[in-house]
Amino acid sequence: MTITEVLLIGGRSGVGKSTVGYEVSALLRTADLGHALIEGDALDHLHPAPPGDPHRALVTERNLAAVWGTYAALGCRRLIYTNTACVLASESGLYSRALGEGARFVRVLLTGSDATARARLAGRERGSELAEQVRRSALMARRLAEGSAAGTVRVRTDGRKVAEIAGEVVAAAGWAGAR
């Protein structure tokens, strides 16, 4: 049986999940290590939420299973998955069901200060959502700090280069050769 290796990269809005995910992918490509990258936030961008699924967990699970199913059928066994809440202990079942009970998970929580998150969000938010994004980011930072699954590796992003952060994340995943 082939084991799927899953790197879950979580963190508050503005901490650098997407950027780090793409940099981890670049490191793996350079090392010629097969993998897929899925931006989890794109899997449940739906309004209104379906009846009976107010937090869109079922939508996320179904979409992740479908996308991963395609990659797995093509032989992929390594996944980088970025999503704000993916490291929460309460979310573990969703990922096991969507990716397979035999999957090996490594959870990495990217952390950053309120000032860092605010500055990054201000740099990317061009519409009316900035104040709400900043507010939700601060709330989620507290929820993630308190509710991350046991064994979650915490990686600080404040004042660090993306390549340095990605190298630390790859090391946490145990994906040797991708440095």
C-alpha atoms as a PDB file:
ATOM      1  CA  MET A   1       0.000   0.000   0.000  1.00  0.00           C
ATOM      2  CA  THR A   2       1.332   3.426  -0.957  1.00  0.00           C
ATOM      3  CA  ILE A   3       1.106   6.033   1.781  1.00  0.00           C
ATOM      4  CA  THR A   4       0.024   9.548   0.938  1.00  0.00           C
ATOM      5  CA  GLU A   5       2.173  12.208   2.610  1.00  0.00           C
ATOM      6  CA  VAL A   6       0.264  15.391   3.383  1.00  0.00           C
ATOM      7  CA  LEU A   7       1.743  18.708   4.467  1.00  0.00           C
ATOM      8  CA  LEU A   8      -0.998  20.894   5.940  1.00  0.00           C
ATOM      9  CA  ILE A   9       0.057  24.550   6.095  1.00  0.00           C
ATOM     10  CA  GLY A  10      -2.302  26.644   8.220  1.00  0.00           C
ATOM     11  CA  GLY A  11      -2.300  30.086   9.741  1.00  0.00           C
ATOM     12  CA  ARG A  12      -4.156  33.328  10.046  1.00  0.00           C
ATOM     13  CA  SER A  13      -4.904  35.513   7.032  1.00  0.00           C
ATOM     14  CA  GLY A  14      -1.844  37.494   6.011  1.00  0.00           C
ATOM     15  CA  VAL A  15       0.710  35.127   7.526  1.00  0.00           C
ATOM     16  CA  GLY A  16       1.996  33.864   4.163  1.00  0.00           C
ATOM     17  CA  LYS A  17       0.409  30.422   3.683  1.00  0.00           C
ATOM     18  CA  SER A  18      -0.006  30.689  -0.081  1.00  0.00           C
ATOM     19  CA  THR A  19       3.400  32.234  -0.617  1.00  0.00           C
ATOM     20  CA  VAL A  20       5.110  29.589   1.522  1.00  0.00           C
ATOM     21  CA  GLY A  21       3.104  26.818  -0.162  1.00  0.00           C
ATOM     22  CA  TYR A  22       4.283  27.938  -3.591  1.00  0.00           C
ATOM     23  CA  GLU A  23       7.869  28.196  -2.344  1.00  0.00           C
ATOM     24  CA  VAL A  24       7.702  24.676  -0.862  1.00  0.00           C
ATOM     25  CA  SER A  25       6.421  23.518  -4.258  1.00  0.00           C
ATOM     26  CA  ALA A  26       9.373  25.228  -5.957  1.00  0.00           C
ATOM     27  CA  LEU A  27      11.813  23.469  -3.610  1.00  0.00           C
ATOM     28  CA  LEU A  28      10.219  20.108  -4.351  1.00  0.00           C
ATOM     29  CA  ARG A  29      10.315  20.757  -8.117  1.00  0.00           C
ATOM     30  CA  THR A  30      14.005  21.668  -7.895  1.00  0.00           C
ATOM     31  CA  ALA A  31      14.657  18.397  -6.038  1.00  0.00           C
ATOM     32  CA  ASP A  32      12.488  16.534  -8.590  1.00  0.00           C
ATOM     33  CA  LEU A  33      10.145  15.294  -5.848  1.00  0.00           C
ATOM     34  CA  GLY A  34       6.638  14.679  -7.177  1.00  0.00           C
ATOM     35  CA  HIS A  35       3.836  16.538  -5.450  1.00  0.00           C
ATOM     36  CA  ALA A  36       0.608  18.477  -5.829  1.00  0.00           C
ATOM     37  CA  LEU A  37      -0.317  21.831  -4.320  1.00  0.00           C
ATOM     38  CA  ILE A  38      -3.907  22.632  -3.426  1.00  0.00           C
ATOM     39  CA  GLU A  39      -5.037  26.043  -2.193  1.00  0.00           C
ATOM     40  CA  GLY A  40      -7.753  24.998   0.228  1.00  0.00           C
ATOM     41  CA  ASP A  41      -9.382  28.410   0.427  1.00  0.00           C
ATOM     42  CA  ALA A  42     -10.492  27.965  -3.191  1.00  0.00           C
ATOM     43  CA  LEU A  43     -12.391  24.760  -2.402  1.00  0.00           C
ATOM     44  CA  ASP A  44     -15.208  26.336  -0.407  1.00  0.00           C
ATOM     45  CA  HIS A  45     -15.611  29.810  -1.887  1.00  0.00           C
ATOM     46  CA  LEU A  46     -19.368  29.539  -2.197  1.00  0.00           C
ATOM     47  CA  HIS A  47     -22.257  31.801  -1.191  1.00  0.00           C
ATOM     48  CA  PRO A  48     -24.645  31.102   0.329  1.00  0.00           C
ATOM     49  CA  ALA A  49     -23.460  28.106   2.286  1.00  0.00           C
ATOM     50  CA  PRO A  50     -25.419  24.958   1.465  1.00  0.00           C
ATOM     51  CA  PRO A  51     -28.246  24.101   3.873  1.00  0.00           C
ATOM     52  CA  GLY A  52     -26.903  21.952   6.687  1.00  0.00           C
ATOM     53  CA  ASP A  53     -23.276  22.912   5.944  1.00  0.00           C
ATOM     54  CA  PRO A  54     -22.937  26.463   7.366  1.00  0.00           C
ATOM     55  CA  HIS A  55     -19.126  26.330   7.569  1.00  0.00           C
ATOM     56  CA  ARG A  56     -18.826  24.630   4.172  1.00  0.00           C
ATOM     57  CA  ALA A  57     -16.926  21.659   5.640  1.00  0.00           C
ATOM     58  CA  LEU A  58     -18.815  19.157   3.496  1.00  0.00           C
ATOM     59  CA  VAL A  59     -18.160  21.261   0.386  1.00  0.00           C
ATOM     60  CA  THR A  60     -14.450  21.377   1.256  1.00  0.00           C
ATOM     61  CA  GLU A  61     -14.294  17.641   1.930  1.00  0.00           C
ATOM     62  CA  ARG A  62     -16.033  16.711  -1.325  1.00  0.00           C
ATOM     63  CA  ASN A  63     -13.977  19.097  -3.452  1.00  0.00           C
ATOM     64  CA  LEU A  64     -10.702  18.046  -1.829  1.00  0.00           C
ATOM     65  CA  ALA A  65     -11.525  14.358  -2.317  1.00  0.00           C
ATOM     66  CA  ALA A  66     -12.352  14.993  -5.979  1.00  0.00           C
ATOM     67  CA  VAL A  67      -9.231  17.031  -6.763  1.00  0.00           C
ATOM     68  CA  TRP A  68      -6.917  14.749  -4.773  1.00  0.00           C
ATOM     69  CA  GLY A  69      -8.558  11.710  -6.393  1.00  0.00           C
ATOM     70  CA  THR A  70      -7.451  13.006  -9.786  1.00  0.00           C
ATOM     71  CA  TYR A  71      -3.879  13.623  -8.607  1.00  0.00           C
ATOM     72  CA  ALA A  72      -3.680  10.263  -6.817  1.00  0.00           C
ATOM     73  CA  ALA A  73      -4.956   8.438  -9.924  1.00  0.00           C
ATOM     74  CA  LEU A  74      -2.029   9.983 -11.789  1.00  0.00           C
ATOM     75  CA  GLY A  75       0.395   8.562  -9.221  1.00  0.00           C
ATOM     76  CA  CYS A  76       0.871  11.546  -6.948  1.00  0.00           C
ATOM     77  CA  ARG A  77       1.590  10.596  -3.326  1.00  0.00           C
ATOM     78  CA  ARG A  78       2.707  13.910  -1.812  1.00  0.00           C
ATOM     79  CA  LEU A  79       0.377  16.864  -1.160  1.00  0.00           C
ATOM     80  CA  ILE A  80       0.969  20.422  -0.015  1.00  0.00           C
ATOM     81  CA  TYR A  81      -2.339  21.829   1.224  1.00  0.00           C
ATOM     82  CA  THR A  82      -2.781  25.396   2.419  1.00  0.00           C
ATOM     83  CA  ASN A  83      -5.818  26.562   4.354  1.00  0.00           C
ATOM     84  CA  THR A  84      -6.347  28.783   7.353  1.00  0.00           C
ATOM     85  CA  ALA A  85      -7.891  26.171   9.673  1.00  0.00           C
ATOM     86  CA  CYS A  86      -6.361  22.916   8.363  1.00  0.00           C
ATOM     87  CA  VAL A  87      -4.146  22.442  11.446  1.00  0.00           C
ATOM     88  CA  LEU A  88      -7.037  22.556  13.927  1.00  0.00           C
ATOM     89  CA  ALA A  89      -7.597  19.309  15.813  1.00  0.00           C
ATOM     90  CA  SER A  90     -11.316  19.633  15.085  1.00  0.00           C
ATOM     91  CA  GLU A  91     -10.625  19.454  11.322  1.00  0.00           C
ATOM     92  CA  SER A  92      -8.605  16.203  11.370  1.00  0.00           C
ATOM     93  CA  GLY A  93     -11.496  13.941  10.358  1.00  0.00           C
ATOM     94  CA  LEU A  94     -12.276  15.985   7.269  1.00  0.00           C
ATOM     95  CA  TYR A  95      -8.749  15.503   5.890  1.00  0.00           C
ATOM     96  CA  SER A  96      -8.565  11.810   6.760  1.00  0.00           C
ATOM     97  CA  ARG A  97     -11.850  11.151   4.985  1.00  0.00           C
ATOM     98  CA  ALA A  98     -10.967  13.250   1.921  1.00  0.00           C
ATOM     99  CA  LEU A  99      -7.376  12.019   1.503  1.00  0.00           C
ATOM    100  CA  GLY A 100      -7.552   8.484   2.833  1.00  0.00           C
ATOM    101  CA  GLU A 101      -7.287   6.887   6.243  1.00  0.00           C
ATOM    102  CA  GLY A 102      -3.686   5.783   5.614  1.00  0.00           C
ATOM    103  CA  ALA A 103      -2.398   9.287   4.905  1.00  0.00           C
ATOM    104  CA  ARG A 104       0.518  10.609   6.965  1.00  0.00           C
ATOM    105  CA  PHE A 105      -0.085  14.197   8.046  1.00  0.00           C
ATOM    106  CA  VAL A 106       2.414  16.858   9.027  1.00  0.00           C
ATOM    107  CA  ARG A 107       0.782  20.035  10.314  1.00  0.00           C
ATOM    108  CA  VAL A 108       2.597  23.355  10.183  1.00  0.00           C
ATOM    109  CA  LEU A 109       1.107  26.492  11.709  1.00  0.00           C
ATOM    110  CA  LEU A 110       2.615  29.665  10.295  1.00  0.00           C
ATOM    111  CA  THR A 111       2.552  32.429  12.892  1.00  0.00           C
ATOM    112  CA  GLY A 112       2.917  36.164  12.614  1.00  0.00           C
ATOM    113  CA  SER A 113       2.200  39.279  14.612  1.00  0.00           C
ATOM    114  CA  ASP A 114      -0.901  41.429  14.233  1.00  0.00           C
ATOM    115  CA  ALA A 115       1.253  44.147  12.650  1.00  0.00           C
ATOM    116  CA  THR A 116       2.729  41.752  10.081  1.00  0.00           C
ATOM    117  CA  ALA A 117      -0.672  40.331   9.159  1.00  0.00           C
ATOM    118  CA  ARG A 118      -2.214  43.802   8.903  1.00  0.00           C
ATOM    119  CA  ALA A 119       0.583  45.046   6.625  1.00  0.00           C
ATOM    120  CA  ARG A 120       0.376  42.010   4.340  1.00  0.00           C
ATOM    121  CA  LEU A 121      -3.405  42.177   4.138  1.00  0.00           C
ATOM    122  CA  ALA A 122      -3.270  45.899   3.347  1.00  0.00           C
ATOM    123  CA  GLY A 123      -0.870  45.105   0.521  1.00  0.00           C
ATOM    124  CA  ARG A 124      -3.231  42.645  -1.146  1.00  0.00           C
ATOM    125  CA  GLU A 125      -6.781  43.730  -0.254  1.00  0.00           C
ATOM    126  CA  ARG A 126      -8.023  46.244  -2.790  1.00  0.00           C
ATOM    127  CA  GLY A 127     -11.737  46.186  -2.050  1.00  0.00           C
ATOM    128  CA  SER A 128     -13.984  46.865   0.900  1.00  0.00           C
ATOM    129  CA  GLU A 129     -12.937  43.809   2.934  1.00  0.00           C
ATOM    130  CA  LEU A 130      -9.690  44.991   4.593  1.00  0.00           C
ATOM    131  CA  ALA A 131     -11.104  45.883   8.019  1.00  0.00           C
ATOM    132  CA  GLU A 132     -13.072  42.632   8.171  1.00  0.00           C
ATOM    133  CA  GLN A 133     -10.056  40.588   7.034  1.00  0.00           C
ATOM    134  CA  VAL A 134      -7.878  42.153   9.757  1.00  0.00           C
ATOM    135  CA  ARG A 135     -10.529  41.487  12.403  1.00  0.00           C
ATOM    136  CA  ARG A 136     -11.051  37.858  11.356  1.00  0.00           C
ATOM    137  CA  SER A 137      -7.298  37.286  11.098  1.00  0.00           C
ATOM    138  CA  ALA A 138      -6.786  38.321  14.732  1.00  0.00           C
ATOM    139  CA  LEU A 139      -9.656  36.096  15.897  1.00  0.00           C
ATOM    140  CA  MET A 140      -8.342  33.128  13.947  1.00  0.00           C
ATOM    141  CA  ALA A 141      -4.802  33.606  15.283  1.00  0.00           C
ATOM    142  CA  ARG A 142      -6.143  33.046  18.804  1.00  0.00           C
ATOM    143  CA  ARG A 143      -8.273  30.051  17.727  1.00  0.00           C
ATOM    144  CA  LEU A 144      -5.309  28.444  15.951  1.00  0.00           C
ATOM    145  CA  ALA A 145      -2.978  29.025  18.898  1.00  0.00           C
ATOM    146  CA  GLU A 146      -5.409  27.266  21.227  1.00  0.00           C
ATOM    147  CA  GLY A 147      -6.873  24.555  18.981  1.00  0.00           C
ATOM    148  CA  SER A 148      -4.094  23.227  16.769  1.00  0.00           C
ATOM    149  CA  ALA A 149      -3.722  19.451  16.710  1.00  0.00           C
ATOM    150  CA  ALA A 150      -1.089  17.839  18.894  1.00  0.00           C
ATOM    151  CA  GLY A 151       2.277  17.734  17.180  1.00  0.00           C
ATOM    152  CA  THR A 152       1.644  20.817  15.037  1.00  0.00           C
ATOM    153  CA  VAL A 153       4.946  22.494  14.177  1.00  0.00           C
ATOM    154  CA  ARG A 154       4.887  26.265  14.622  1.00  0.00           C
ATOM    155  CA  VAL A 155       6.949  28.380  12.236  1.00  0.00           C
ATOM    156  CA  ARG A 156       7.324  32.118  12.752  1.00  0.00           C
ATOM    157  CA  THR A 157       7.146  34.282   9.607  1.00  0.00           C
ATOM    158  CA  ASP A 158       7.769  37.811  10.952  1.00  0.00           C
ATOM    159  CA  GLY A 159      10.796  39.427   9.325  1.00  0.00           C
ATOM    160  CA  ARG A 160      11.939  36.242   7.574  1.00  0.00           C
ATOM    161  CA  LYS A 161      12.599  35.481   3.918  1.00  0.00           C
ATOM    162  CA  VAL A 162      10.119  33.155   2.213  1.00  0.00           C
ATOM    163  CA  ALA A 163      12.857  30.724   1.141  1.00  0.00           C
ATOM    164  CA  GLU A 164      14.040  30.377   4.754  1.00  0.00           C
ATOM    165  CA  ILE A 165      10.504  29.704   5.988  1.00  0.00           C
ATOM    166  CA  ALA A 166       9.858  27.182   3.199  1.00  0.00           C
ATOM    167  CA  GLY A 167      13.094  25.363   4.027  1.00  0.00           C
ATOM    168  CA  GLU A 168      11.968  25.015   7.637  1.00  0.00           C
ATOM    169  CA  VAL A 169       8.555  23.748   6.506  1.00  0.00           C
ATOM    170  CA  VAL A 170      10.108  21.170   4.145  1.00  0.00           C
ATOM    171  CA  ALA A 171      12.360  19.973   6.981  1.00  0.00           C
ATOM    172  CA  ALA A 172       9.308  19.611   9.257  1.00  0.00           C
ATOM    173  CA  ALA A 173       7.661  17.487   6.561  1.00  0.00           C
ATOM    174  CA  GLY A 174      10.735  15.244   6.390  1.00  0.00           C
ATOM    175  CA  TRP A 175      11.003  15.706   2.649  1.00  0.00           C
ATOM    176  CA  ALA A 176      14.770  15.377   2.391  1.00  0.00           C
ATOM    177  CA  GLY A 177      16.430  16.549  -0.779  1.00  0.00           C
ATOM    178  CA  ALA A 178      14.173  19.567  -1.194  1.00  0.00           C
ATOM    179  CA  ARG A 179      16.401  22.309   0.131  1.00  0.00           C
END
